[in-house]
Structure formats: structure tokens, C-alpha cells
Amino acid sequence: MAIGPTRDILISATVPENLNLATVQSSGQRPLSVQELYESGFELRCAGEYGRARELFSQVLEQEPQHINARWQIALIDGFEGEFEQSLEGLRGLAQEAPNNLDLRYDFAMTLMMLGFMEESCAEFRAILEVDPDHDKAKQQIIYCD
């Protein structure tokens, strides 16, 4: 199963401080795959190392500019670093681009809620629950909407 933004993981290995696709390639090692770069970036983001995570997600986007999960993670990092408007607009665009990605829409709804946009947040939670009435996290949050 691929690592997703809302999945809890244990970081079992350290990611080198200077992990960079170009460095790996020039050292004669096999280049990291897009998935490996993404997973390493995700681990760093979960560990609160946002700058390093952003670098890896940017490397993913150099290879696959439309990689939705890397774009999603960067939008979340924007919010973690206090760039709330940029984060919100990034998540809004991604939610419109991938309306069936309920976990992405959940993160968008949570960001809306945290920033005080309750009406729009609740509309997102309701939309998620229309598609998946068993979406546990949306069910937990919808109680704040009534």
C-alpha cells in the first residue's frame, strides 16, 4: 500500500541530510525512483522537517509535474510553515482537480476549518460523506457543523 498523507507511519530509517537525486546519480548509485523520493519526502514531512521534505517533493515534480500527492504535500507544508493563503489555494485547486480523492478533500476541509471557514469546511465534509458515508475522519468532524 502506498503511503498517503493521512496515514500514520513510523520512521524506521534516517533520510540522509543531503538526499538529492543528482547526488545519488553522480555517486554511481541507482537513481531513486519517484516513489522512493515521495516516500522519503513524506517521512520527512511527518517528522516536521519541512524544508527537506519540500526539496524531495520538488524533485518528484521535476520528473512528474502533475504528481498530485507531491503537490498535495507541498500545499500542506505551506500551511505548516504559516503560508495559509498559499496552502488553502493549493489544496482548493487540487480538490477541484481530483474530486474523487476524498483524503485530499478531507485535508482541504480541515484546513478550511482551522482557518475559520466553517461553512465551506462543513460543505466539504458533507460532500465527502455523500460519496463515502463511512469516512471515519469526516464523520468525526461533521459533528462540529451542526
C-alpha atoms as a PDB file:
ATOM      1  CA  MET A   1       0.000   0.000   0.000  1.00  0.00           C
ATOM      2  CA  ALA A   2       1.353   3.431  -0.920  1.00  0.00           C
ATOM      3  CA  ILE A   3       1.966   5.906   1.830  1.00  0.00           C
ATOM      4  CA  GLY A   4      -0.756   8.525   1.958  1.00  0.00           C
ATOM      5  CA  PRO A   5      -0.857  11.909   3.612  1.00  0.00           C
ATOM      6  CA  THR A   6      -3.126  10.890   6.471  1.00  0.00           C
ATOM      7  CA  ARG A   7      -1.553   7.514   7.248  1.00  0.00           C
ATOM      8  CA  ASP A   8       0.441   7.282  10.457  1.00  0.00           C
ATOM      9  CA  ILE A   9       3.888   5.789   9.922  1.00  0.00           C
ATOM     10  CA  LEU A  10       6.951   5.048  11.945  1.00  0.00           C
ATOM     11  CA  ILE A  11      10.166   6.385  10.585  1.00  0.00           C
ATOM     12  CA  SER A  12      12.357   3.328  10.543  1.00  0.00           C
ATOM     13  CA  ALA A  13      15.376   4.773   8.816  1.00  0.00           C
ATOM     14  CA  THR A  14      17.001   8.142   8.701  1.00  0.00           C
ATOM     15  CA  VAL A  15      16.905  10.047   5.462  1.00  0.00           C
ATOM     16  CA  PRO A  16      20.320  11.469   4.590  1.00  0.00           C
ATOM     17  CA  GLU A  17      20.595  15.196   5.304  1.00  0.00           C
ATOM     18  CA  ASN A  18      21.553  15.958   1.726  1.00  0.00           C
ATOM     19  CA  LEU A  19      19.398  13.450  -0.152  1.00  0.00           C
ATOM     20  CA  ASN A  20      19.278  14.722  -3.678  1.00  0.00           C
ATOM     21  CA  LEU A  21      18.563  12.906  -6.908  1.00  0.00           C
ATOM     22  CA  ALA A  22      21.573  14.479  -8.643  1.00  0.00           C
ATOM     23  CA  THR A  23      23.884  13.448  -5.783  1.00  0.00           C
ATOM     24  CA  VAL A  24      22.675   9.863  -5.911  1.00  0.00           C
ATOM     25  CA  GLN A  25      23.107   9.718  -9.689  1.00  0.00           C
ATOM     26  CA  SER A  26      26.612  11.215  -9.665  1.00  0.00           C
ATOM     27  CA  SER A  27      27.757   8.822  -6.932  1.00  0.00           C
ATOM     28  CA  GLY A  28      27.136   5.840  -9.197  1.00  0.00           C
ATOM     29  CA  GLN A  29      24.234   4.572  -7.136  1.00  0.00           C
ATOM     30  CA  ARG A  30      20.954   3.725  -8.756  1.00  0.00           C
ATOM     31  CA  PRO A  31      18.789   6.841  -9.031  1.00  0.00           C
ATOM     32  CA  LEU A  32      15.909   6.971  -6.584  1.00  0.00           C
ATOM     33  CA  SER A  33      12.540   6.328  -8.136  1.00  0.00           C
ATOM     34  CA  VAL A  34       9.803   8.911  -7.986  1.00  0.00           C
ATOM     35  CA  GLN A  35       8.038   6.730  -5.413  1.00  0.00           C
ATOM     36  CA  GLU A  36      11.176   6.497  -3.245  1.00  0.00           C
ATOM     37  CA  LEU A  37      11.644  10.257  -3.378  1.00  0.00           C
ATOM     38  CA  TYR A  38       7.987  10.769  -2.497  1.00  0.00           C
ATOM     39  CA  GLU A  39       8.085   8.320   0.418  1.00  0.00           C
ATOM     40  CA  SER A  40      11.269   9.876   1.791  1.00  0.00           C
ATOM     41  CA  GLY A  41       9.707  13.327   1.498  1.00  0.00           C
ATOM     42  CA  PHE A  42       6.592  12.085   3.257  1.00  0.00           C
ATOM     43  CA  GLU A  43       8.646  10.677   6.137  1.00  0.00           C
ATOM     44  CA  LEU A  44      10.474  13.985   6.481  1.00  0.00           C
ATOM     45  CA  ARG A  45       7.205  15.927   6.438  1.00  0.00           C
ATOM     46  CA  CYS A  46       5.812  13.690   9.185  1.00  0.00           C
ATOM     47  CA  ALA A  47       8.984  14.317  11.185  1.00  0.00           C
ATOM     48  CA  GLY A  48       8.499  18.077  10.834  1.00  0.00           C
ATOM     49  CA  GLU A  49      11.475  18.560   8.525  1.00  0.00           C
ATOM     50  CA  TYR A  50       9.511  20.663   6.087  1.00  0.00           C
ATOM     51  CA  GLY A  51      12.373  22.229   4.139  1.00  0.00           C
ATOM     52  CA  ARG A  52      13.991  18.896   3.346  1.00  0.00           C
ATOM     53  CA  ALA A  53      10.615  17.355   2.554  1.00  0.00           C
ATOM     54  CA  ARG A  54       9.782  20.215   0.173  1.00  0.00           C
ATOM     55  CA  GLU A  55      13.103  19.636  -1.619  1.00  0.00           C
ATOM     56  CA  LEU A  56      12.266  15.979  -2.231  1.00  0.00           C
ATOM     57  CA  PHE A  57       8.723  16.742  -3.350  1.00  0.00           C
ATOM     58  CA  SER A  58      10.173  19.325  -5.741  1.00  0.00           C
ATOM     59  CA  GLN A  59      12.460  16.620  -7.148  1.00  0.00           C
ATOM     60  CA  VAL A  60       9.398  14.431  -7.655  1.00  0.00           C
ATOM     61  CA  LEU A  61       7.707  17.277  -9.535  1.00  0.00           C
ATOM     62  CA  GLU A  62      10.771  17.804 -11.721  1.00  0.00           C
ATOM     63  CA  GLN A  63      10.209  14.269 -13.005  1.00  0.00           C
ATOM     64  CA  GLU A  64       6.407  14.186 -12.839  1.00  0.00           C
ATOM     65  CA  PRO A  65       4.995  17.731 -12.797  1.00  0.00           C
ATOM     66  CA  GLN A  66       1.423  16.508 -12.284  1.00  0.00           C
ATOM     67  CA  HIS A  67       2.243  14.179  -9.340  1.00  0.00           C
ATOM     68  CA  ILE A  68      -0.812  15.015  -7.255  1.00  0.00           C
ATOM     69  CA  ASN A  69       0.480  13.602  -3.972  1.00  0.00           C
ATOM     70  CA  ALA A  70       3.704  15.633  -4.107  1.00  0.00           C
ATOM     71  CA  ARG A  71       1.698  18.764  -4.915  1.00  0.00           C
ATOM     72  CA  TRP A  72      -0.670  17.920  -2.037  1.00  0.00           C
ATOM     73  CA  GLN A  73       2.199  17.527   0.416  1.00  0.00           C
ATOM     74  CA  ILE A  74       3.718  20.849  -0.643  1.00  0.00           C
ATOM     75  CA  ALA A  75       0.358  22.550  -0.076  1.00  0.00           C
ATOM     76  CA  LEU A  76       0.199  21.032   3.416  1.00  0.00           C
ATOM     77  CA  ILE A  77       3.764  22.140   4.143  1.00  0.00           C
ATOM     78  CA  ASP A  78       2.819  25.666   3.083  1.00  0.00           C
ATOM     79  CA  GLY A  79       0.217  25.681   5.848  1.00  0.00           C
ATOM     80  CA  PHE A  80       2.578  24.178   8.415  1.00  0.00           C
ATOM     81  CA  GLU A  81       5.035  26.965   7.627  1.00  0.00           C
ATOM     82  CA  GLY A  82       2.401  29.680   8.029  1.00  0.00           C
ATOM     83  CA  GLU A  83       1.659  30.329   4.367  1.00  0.00           C
ATOM     84  CA  PHE A  84      -2.044  29.789   4.967  1.00  0.00           C
ATOM     85  CA  GLU A  85      -3.420  31.513   1.870  1.00  0.00           C
ATOM     86  CA  GLN A  86      -0.995  29.666  -0.403  1.00  0.00           C
ATOM     87  CA  SER A  87      -1.812  26.369   1.312  1.00  0.00           C
ATOM     88  CA  LEU A  88      -5.544  26.918   1.056  1.00  0.00           C
ATOM     89  CA  GLU A  89      -5.409  27.855  -2.612  1.00  0.00           C
ATOM     90  CA  GLY A  90      -3.159  24.888  -3.390  1.00  0.00           C
ATOM     91  CA  LEU A  91      -5.484  22.468  -1.627  1.00  0.00           C
ATOM     92  CA  ARG A  92      -8.552  24.079  -3.216  1.00  0.00           C
ATOM     93  CA  GLY A  93      -7.099  23.633  -6.693  1.00  0.00           C
ATOM     94  CA  LEU A  94      -6.110  20.039  -6.011  1.00  0.00           C
ATOM     95  CA  ALA A  95      -9.546  19.217  -4.562  1.00  0.00           C
ATOM     96  CA  GLN A  96     -11.141  20.595  -7.726  1.00  0.00           C
ATOM     97  CA  GLU A  97      -8.689  18.691  -9.900  1.00  0.00           C
ATOM     98  CA  ALA A  98      -9.196  15.390  -8.046  1.00  0.00           C
ATOM     99  CA  PRO A  99     -12.730  15.497  -6.584  1.00  0.00           C
ATOM    100  CA  ASN A 100     -12.771  11.732  -6.014  1.00  0.00           C
ATOM    101  CA  ASN A 101      -9.690  11.855  -3.788  1.00  0.00           C
ATOM    102  CA  LEU A 102     -11.550  12.000  -0.502  1.00  0.00           C
ATOM    103  CA  ASP A 103      -8.457  12.100   1.696  1.00  0.00           C
ATOM    104  CA  LEU A 104      -7.194  15.148  -0.178  1.00  0.00           C
ATOM    105  CA  ARG A 105     -10.629  16.759   0.153  1.00  0.00           C
ATOM    106  CA  TYR A 106     -10.583  15.924   3.861  1.00  0.00           C
ATOM    107  CA  ASP A 107      -7.262  17.756   4.292  1.00  0.00           C
ATOM    108  CA  PHE A 108      -8.735  20.697   2.361  1.00  0.00           C
ATOM    109  CA  ALA A 109     -11.813  20.678   4.615  1.00  0.00           C
ATOM    110  CA  MET A 110      -9.655  20.517   7.744  1.00  0.00           C
ATOM    111  CA  THR A 111      -7.551  23.440   6.518  1.00  0.00           C
ATOM    112  CA  LEU A 112     -10.725  25.425   5.879  1.00  0.00           C
ATOM    113  CA  MET A 113     -11.950  24.595   9.377  1.00  0.00           C
ATOM    114  CA  MET A 114      -8.661  25.530  11.044  1.00  0.00           C
ATOM    115  CA  LEU A 115      -8.696  28.874   9.245  1.00  0.00           C
ATOM    116  CA  GLY A 116     -12.257  29.609  10.344  1.00  0.00           C
ATOM    117  CA  PHE A 117     -14.099  28.961   7.081  1.00  0.00           C
ATOM    118  CA  MET A 118     -16.702  26.807   8.800  1.00  0.00           C
ATOM    119  CA  GLU A 119     -19.453  26.974   6.184  1.00  0.00           C
ATOM    120  CA  GLU A 120     -17.185  25.890   3.342  1.00  0.00           C
ATOM    121  CA  SER A 121     -15.473  23.309   5.545  1.00  0.00           C
ATOM    122  CA  CYS A 122     -18.788  21.746   6.539  1.00  0.00           C
ATOM    123  CA  ALA A 123     -19.880  21.657   2.898  1.00  0.00           C
ATOM    124  CA  GLU A 124     -16.710  19.699   2.094  1.00  0.00           C
ATOM    125  CA  PHE A 125     -17.280  17.244   4.948  1.00  0.00           C
ATOM    126  CA  ARG A 126     -20.868  16.714   3.776  1.00  0.00           C
ATOM    127  CA  ALA A 127     -19.701  16.151   0.200  1.00  0.00           C
ATOM    128  CA  ILE A 128     -17.156  13.582   1.390  1.00  0.00           C
ATOM    129  CA  LEU A 129     -19.835  11.763   3.388  1.00  0.00           C
ATOM    130  CA  GLU A 130     -22.190  11.725   0.397  1.00  0.00           C
ATOM    131  CA  VAL A 131     -19.576   9.757  -1.517  1.00  0.00           C
ATOM    132  CA  ASP A 132     -18.376   7.668   1.426  1.00  0.00           C
ATOM    133  CA  PRO A 133     -20.801   7.618   4.369  1.00  0.00           C
ATOM    134  CA  ASP A 134     -18.231   5.564   6.325  1.00  0.00           C
ATOM    135  CA  HIS A 135     -15.365   8.071   6.013  1.00  0.00           C
ATOM    136  CA  ASP A 136     -14.397   7.968   9.703  1.00  0.00           C
ATOM    137  CA  LYS A 137     -12.478  11.217   9.870  1.00  0.00           C
ATOM    138  CA  ALA A 138     -15.178  13.214   8.081  1.00  0.00           C
ATOM    139  CA  LYS A 139     -17.773  11.677  10.411  1.00  0.00           C
ATOM    140  CA  GLN A 140     -15.705  12.828  13.389  1.00  0.00           C
ATOM    141  CA  GLN A 141     -15.528  16.397  12.095  1.00  0.00           C
ATOM    142  CA  ILE A 142     -19.096  16.811  10.854  1.00  0.00           C
ATOM    143  CA  ILE A 143     -20.322  16.965  14.454  1.00  0.00           C
ATOM    144  CA  TYR A 144     -18.806  20.470  14.636  1.00  0.00           C
ATOM    145  CA  CYS A 145     -21.022  21.542  11.740  1.00  0.00           C
ATOM    146  CA  ASP A 146     -24.457  21.036  13.223  1.00  0.00           C
END
